[in-house]
C-alpha atoms as a PDB file:
ATOM      1  CA  UNK A   1      -0.020  18.513 -25.081  1.00  0.00           C
ATOM      2  CA  UNK A   2       1.909  18.908 -22.038  1.00  0.00           C
ATOM      3  CA  UNK A   3       1.277  18.118 -18.603  1.00  0.00           C
ATOM      4  CA  UNK A   4       3.404  19.218 -15.243  1.00  0.00           C
ATOM      5  CA  UNK A   5       4.521  16.456 -13.017  1.00  0.00           C
ATOM      6  CA  UNK A   6       1.984  18.228 -10.122  1.00  0.00           C
ATOM      7  CA  UNK A   7      -0.609  17.458 -12.913  1.00  0.00           C
ATOM      8  CA  UNK A   8      -0.237  14.094 -12.761  1.00  0.00           C
ATOM      9  CA  UNK A   9       0.511  13.879  -8.981  1.00  0.00           C
ATOM     10  CA  UNK A  10      -2.892  15.507  -7.881  1.00  0.00           C
ATOM     11  CA  UNK A  11      -4.890  13.005 -10.448  1.00  0.00           C
ATOM     12  CA  UNK A  12      -3.376  10.438  -8.442  1.00  0.00           C
ATOM     13  CA  UNK A  13      -4.660  11.970  -5.253  1.00  0.00           C
ATOM     14  CA  UNK A  14      -7.891  13.019  -6.556  1.00  0.00           C
ATOM     15  CA  UNK A  15      -7.959   9.163  -7.422  1.00  0.00           C
ATOM     16  CA  UNK A  16      -8.289   7.955  -3.636  1.00  0.00           C
ATOM     17  CA  UNK A  17     -11.649   8.915  -1.821  1.00  0.00           C
ATOM     18  CA  UNK A  18     -12.764   8.854   1.338  1.00  0.00           C
ATOM     19  CA  UNK A  19     -14.451   5.641   0.803  1.00  0.00           C
ATOM     20  CA  UNK A  20     -10.626   3.695  -0.049  1.00  0.00           C
ATOM     21  CA  UNK A  21      -8.651   1.801   1.918  1.00  0.00           C
ATOM     22  CA  UNK A  22      -4.832   2.266   1.554  1.00  0.00           C
ATOM     23  CA  UNK A  23      -3.131  -0.839   2.307  1.00  0.00           C
ATOM     24  CA  UNK A  24       0.964  -0.701   1.955  1.00  0.00           C
ATOM     25  CA  UNK A  25       2.514  -3.549   1.650  1.00  0.00           C
ATOM     26  CA  UNK A  26       6.355  -4.324   2.327  1.00  0.00           C
ATOM     27  CA  UNK A  27       7.368  -7.152   0.536  1.00  0.00           C
ATOM     28  CA  UNK A  28      10.406  -9.390   1.308  1.00  0.00           C
ATOM     29  CA  UNK A  29      11.723 -12.765   0.226  1.00  0.00           C
ATOM     30  CA  UNK A  30       9.832 -14.818   3.148  1.00  0.00           C
ATOM     31  CA  UNK A  31       7.206 -12.439   4.509  1.00  0.00           C
ATOM     32  CA  UNK A  32       5.593  -9.761   3.487  1.00  0.00           C
ATOM     33  CA  UNK A  33       4.098  -7.206   5.915  1.00  0.00           C
ATOM     34  CA  UNK A  34       0.915  -5.460   5.149  1.00  0.00           C
ATOM     35  CA  UNK A  35      -0.700  -2.073   7.220  1.00  0.00           C
ATOM     36  CA  UNK A  36      -3.750  -0.321   5.902  1.00  0.00           C
ATOM     37  CA  UNK A  37      -5.020   3.510   6.554  1.00  0.00           C
ATOM     38  CA  UNK A  38      -7.612   5.563   5.369  1.00  0.00           C
ATOM     39  CA  UNK A  39      -7.429   8.362   2.954  1.00  0.00           C
ATOM     40  CA  UNK A  40      -5.816  10.626   5.760  1.00  0.00           C
ATOM     41  CA  UNK A  41      -3.524   8.348   6.585  1.00  0.00           C
ATOM     42  CA  UNK A  42      -5.123   7.202  10.371  1.00  0.00           C
ATOM     43  CA  UNK A  43      -3.792   3.522  11.052  1.00  0.00           C
ATOM     44  CA  UNK A  44      -6.968   1.475  10.443  1.00  0.00           C
ATOM     45  CA  UNK A  45      -5.955  -2.089  12.365  1.00  0.00           C
ATOM     46  CA  UNK A  46      -4.299  -2.352  15.799  1.00  0.00           C
ATOM     47  CA  UNK A  47      -1.701  -4.305  14.278  1.00  0.00           C
ATOM     48  CA  UNK A  48      -0.224  -5.205  11.155  1.00  0.00           C
ATOM     49  CA  UNK A  49      -0.179  -8.643   9.250  1.00  0.00           C
ATOM     50  CA  UNK A  50       2.322 -10.624   7.700  1.00  0.00           C
ATOM     51  CA  UNK A  51       1.664 -13.311   5.000  1.00  0.00           C
ATOM     52  CA  UNK A  52       3.941 -15.808   3.091  1.00  0.00           C
ATOM     53  CA  UNK A  53       4.533 -16.021  -0.798  1.00  0.00           C
ATOM     54  CA  UNK A  54       1.849 -18.305  -1.190  1.00  0.00           C
ATOM     55  CA  UNK A  55      -2.170 -18.458  -2.482  1.00  0.00           C
ATOM     56  CA  UNK A  56      -3.291 -19.324   0.863  1.00  0.00           C
ATOM     57  CA  UNK A  57      -1.670 -16.100   2.387  1.00  0.00           C
ATOM     58  CA  UNK A  58      -3.038 -14.212  -0.433  1.00  0.00           C
ATOM     59  CA  UNK A  59      -6.406 -15.275   0.050  1.00  0.00           C
ATOM     60  CA  UNK A  60      -5.356 -14.411   3.825  1.00  0.00           C
ATOM     61  CA  UNK A  61      -4.857 -10.987   3.129  1.00  0.00           C
ATOM     62  CA  UNK A  62      -8.306 -10.593   1.036  1.00  0.00           C
ATOM     63  CA  UNK A  63     -10.083 -11.671   3.656  1.00  0.00           C
ATOM     64  CA  UNK A  64      -8.092  -9.261   6.197  1.00  0.00           C
ATOM     65  CA  UNK A  65      -8.482  -6.235   3.670  1.00  0.00           C
ATOM     66  CA  UNK A  66     -12.745  -7.468   3.458  1.00  0.00           C
ATOM     67  CA  UNK A  67     -12.915  -6.938   6.922  1.00  0.00           C
ATOM     68  CA  UNK A  68     -11.524  -3.776   7.509  1.00  0.00           C
ATOM     69  CA  UNK A  69     -13.797  -2.500   4.854  1.00  0.00           C
ATOM     70  CA  UNK A  70     -16.444  -4.143   6.661  1.00  0.00           C
ATOM     71  CA  UNK A  71     -15.761  -2.497  10.127  1.00  0.00           C
ATOM     72  CA  UNK A  72     -14.947   0.652   8.551  1.00  0.00           C
ATOM     73  CA  UNK A  73     -17.318   1.497   5.704  1.00  0.00           C
ATOM     74  CA  UNK A  74     -14.995   1.503   3.644  1.00  0.00           C
ATOM     75  CA  UNK A  75     -15.705  -0.255  -0.318  1.00  0.00           C
ATOM     76  CA  UNK A  76     -12.758   0.810  -2.068  1.00  0.00           C
ATOM     77  CA  UNK A  77      -9.467  -0.301  -2.015  1.00  0.00           C
ATOM     78  CA  UNK A  78      -5.685   0.842  -3.177  1.00  0.00           C
ATOM     79  CA  UNK A  79      -2.681  -1.645  -2.653  1.00  0.00           C
ATOM     80  CA  UNK A  80       0.773  -0.131  -2.814  1.00  0.00           C
ATOM     81  CA  UNK A  81       4.077  -2.186  -2.883  1.00  0.00           C
ATOM     82  CA  UNK A  82       7.562  -1.469  -3.611  1.00  0.00           C
ATOM     83  CA  UNK A  83       8.730  -3.689  -6.507  1.00  0.00           C
ATOM     84  CA  UNK A  84      11.520  -4.953  -4.539  1.00  0.00           C
ATOM     85  CA  UNK A  85      13.070  -7.567  -6.814  1.00  0.00           C
ATOM     86  CA  UNK A  86      11.081 -10.482  -8.353  1.00  0.00           C
ATOM     87  CA  UNK A  87       9.261 -11.088  -4.907  1.00  0.00           C
ATOM     88  CA  UNK A  88       6.350  -9.368  -5.452  1.00  0.00           C
ATOM     89  CA  UNK A  89       5.178 -10.005  -8.605  1.00  0.00           C
ATOM     90  CA  UNK A  90       3.228 -12.583  -7.788  1.00  0.00           C
ATOM     91  CA  UNK A  91       1.079 -11.070  -5.292  1.00  0.00           C
ATOM     92  CA  UNK A  92       0.525  -7.974  -7.759  1.00  0.00           C
ATOM     93  CA  UNK A  93      -0.378 -10.567 -10.570  1.00  0.00           C
ATOM     94  CA  UNK A  94      -2.601 -12.100  -8.511  1.00  0.00           C
ATOM     95  CA  UNK A  95      -4.331  -8.898  -6.882  1.00  0.00           C
ATOM     96  CA  UNK A  96      -4.538  -7.550 -10.344  1.00  0.00           C
ATOM     97  CA  UNK A  97      -6.526 -10.699 -11.542  1.00  0.00           C
ATOM     98  CA  UNK A  98      -9.016 -10.248  -8.539  1.00  0.00           C
ATOM     99  CA  UNK A  99      -9.628  -7.058  -9.977  1.00  0.00           C
ATOM    100  CA  UNK A 100      -7.842  -4.797  -6.839  1.00  0.00           C
ATOM    101  CA  UNK A 101      -6.097  -1.606  -7.858  1.00  0.00           C
ATOM    102  CA  UNK A 102      -2.326  -2.236  -7.606  1.00  0.00           C
ATOM    103  CA  UNK A 103       0.130   0.831  -7.540  1.00  0.00           C
ATOM    104  CA  UNK A 104       3.839   0.682  -7.210  1.00  0.00           C
ATOM    105  CA  UNK A 105       5.959   2.890  -4.976  1.00  0.00           C
ATOM    106  CA  UNK A 106       9.761   3.764  -5.825  1.00  0.00           C
ATOM    107  CA  UNK A 107      11.946   2.600  -2.974  1.00  0.00           C
ATOM    108  CA  UNK A 108      13.732   5.946  -2.616  1.00  0.00           C
ATOM    109  CA  UNK A 109      10.639   8.145  -2.148  1.00  0.00           C
ATOM    110  CA  UNK A 110      10.153   5.647   0.834  1.00  0.00           C
ATOM    111  CA  UNK A 111      13.513   5.920   2.071  1.00  0.00           C
ATOM    112  CA  UNK A 112      13.241   9.475   2.119  1.00  0.00           C
ATOM    113  CA  UNK A 113       9.892   9.255   3.925  1.00  0.00           C
ATOM    114  CA  UNK A 114      10.737   7.127   6.754  1.00  0.00           C
ATOM    115  CA  UNK A 115      11.074   9.528   9.372  1.00  0.00           C
ATOM    116  CA  UNK A 116       7.639  11.304   8.231  1.00  0.00           C
ATOM    117  CA  UNK A 117       5.401   9.151  10.756  1.00  0.00           C
ATOM    118  CA  UNK A 118       7.629   9.307  13.591  1.00  0.00           C
ATOM    119  CA  UNK A 119      10.491  11.488  13.329  1.00  0.00           C
ATOM    120  CA  UNK A 120      13.203   8.713  13.362  1.00  0.00           C
ATOM    121  CA  UNK A 121      15.173   7.172  10.882  1.00  0.00           C
ATOM    122  CA  UNK A 122      14.717   3.479  12.509  1.00  0.00           C
ATOM    123  CA  UNK A 123      13.113   0.834   9.947  1.00  0.00           C
ATOM    124  CA  UNK A 124      11.001  -2.249  10.504  1.00  0.00           C
ATOM    125  CA  UNK A 125       8.622  -3.682   8.315  1.00  0.00           C
ATOM    126  CA  UNK A 126       5.791  -2.615  10.058  1.00  0.00           C
ATOM    127  CA  UNK A 127       6.642   0.853   9.256  1.00  0.00           C
ATOM    128  CA  UNK A 128       7.858   0.519   5.975  1.00  0.00           C
ATOM    129  CA  UNK A 129       4.321  -0.476   5.299  1.00  0.00           C
ATOM    130  CA  UNK A 130       2.774   2.309   6.921  1.00  0.00           C
ATOM    131  CA  UNK A 131       5.842   4.525   4.806  1.00  0.00           C
ATOM    132  CA  UNK A 132       4.253   2.951   1.508  1.00  0.00           C
ATOM    133  CA  UNK A 133       0.349   3.606   2.622  1.00  0.00           C
ATOM    134  CA  UNK A 134       1.378   7.431   3.260  1.00  0.00           C
ATOM    135  CA  UNK A 135       3.428   7.681   0.237  1.00  0.00           C
ATOM    136  CA  UNK A 136       0.425   6.434  -2.214  1.00  0.00           C
ATOM    137  CA  UNK A 137      -2.410   8.845  -0.243  1.00  0.00           C
ATOM    138  CA  UNK A 138       0.209  11.318  -1.299  1.00  0.00           C
ATOM    139  CA  UNK A 139       0.176  10.413  -5.167  1.00  0.00           C
ATOM    140  CA  UNK A 140       3.347   9.252  -5.087  1.00  0.00           C
ATOM    141  CA  UNK A 141       3.005   6.457  -6.737  1.00  0.00           C
ATOM    142  CA  UNK A 142       2.794   4.272 -10.795  1.00  0.00           C
ATOM    143  CA  UNK A 143       0.278   1.373 -11.860  1.00  0.00           C
ATOM    144  CA  UNK A 144       1.410  -1.654 -11.577  1.00  0.00           C
END
């Protein structure tokens, strides 16, 4: 049976409910940056979270996500990230082992959608994390 591309995208969008936190993570060599939104793209935090590629920092990320969930009464989470080289594999595998819903976003889509948030092509890690969360909320992702 053949499916149209829009059918798959619609299924990915429907997977995200009103009880989801969408976390976008910009992966880097030294410091990763995370930003959280709800299913509509509304930012849930006043400040992004910067963290390194260590178990302690991954635990810090998990606590940060749990605190946001409790504050906004959101119980599900979907975590989106760009597969930037090999730097994100440790984090993605750690999150998957914790039964978190981890998805990947094509870097080309992130690059094309930078202007959607603020009508500016500028680049920063917090903005990239927010763009990744937006791209996930619109169904442009694939499973890890």
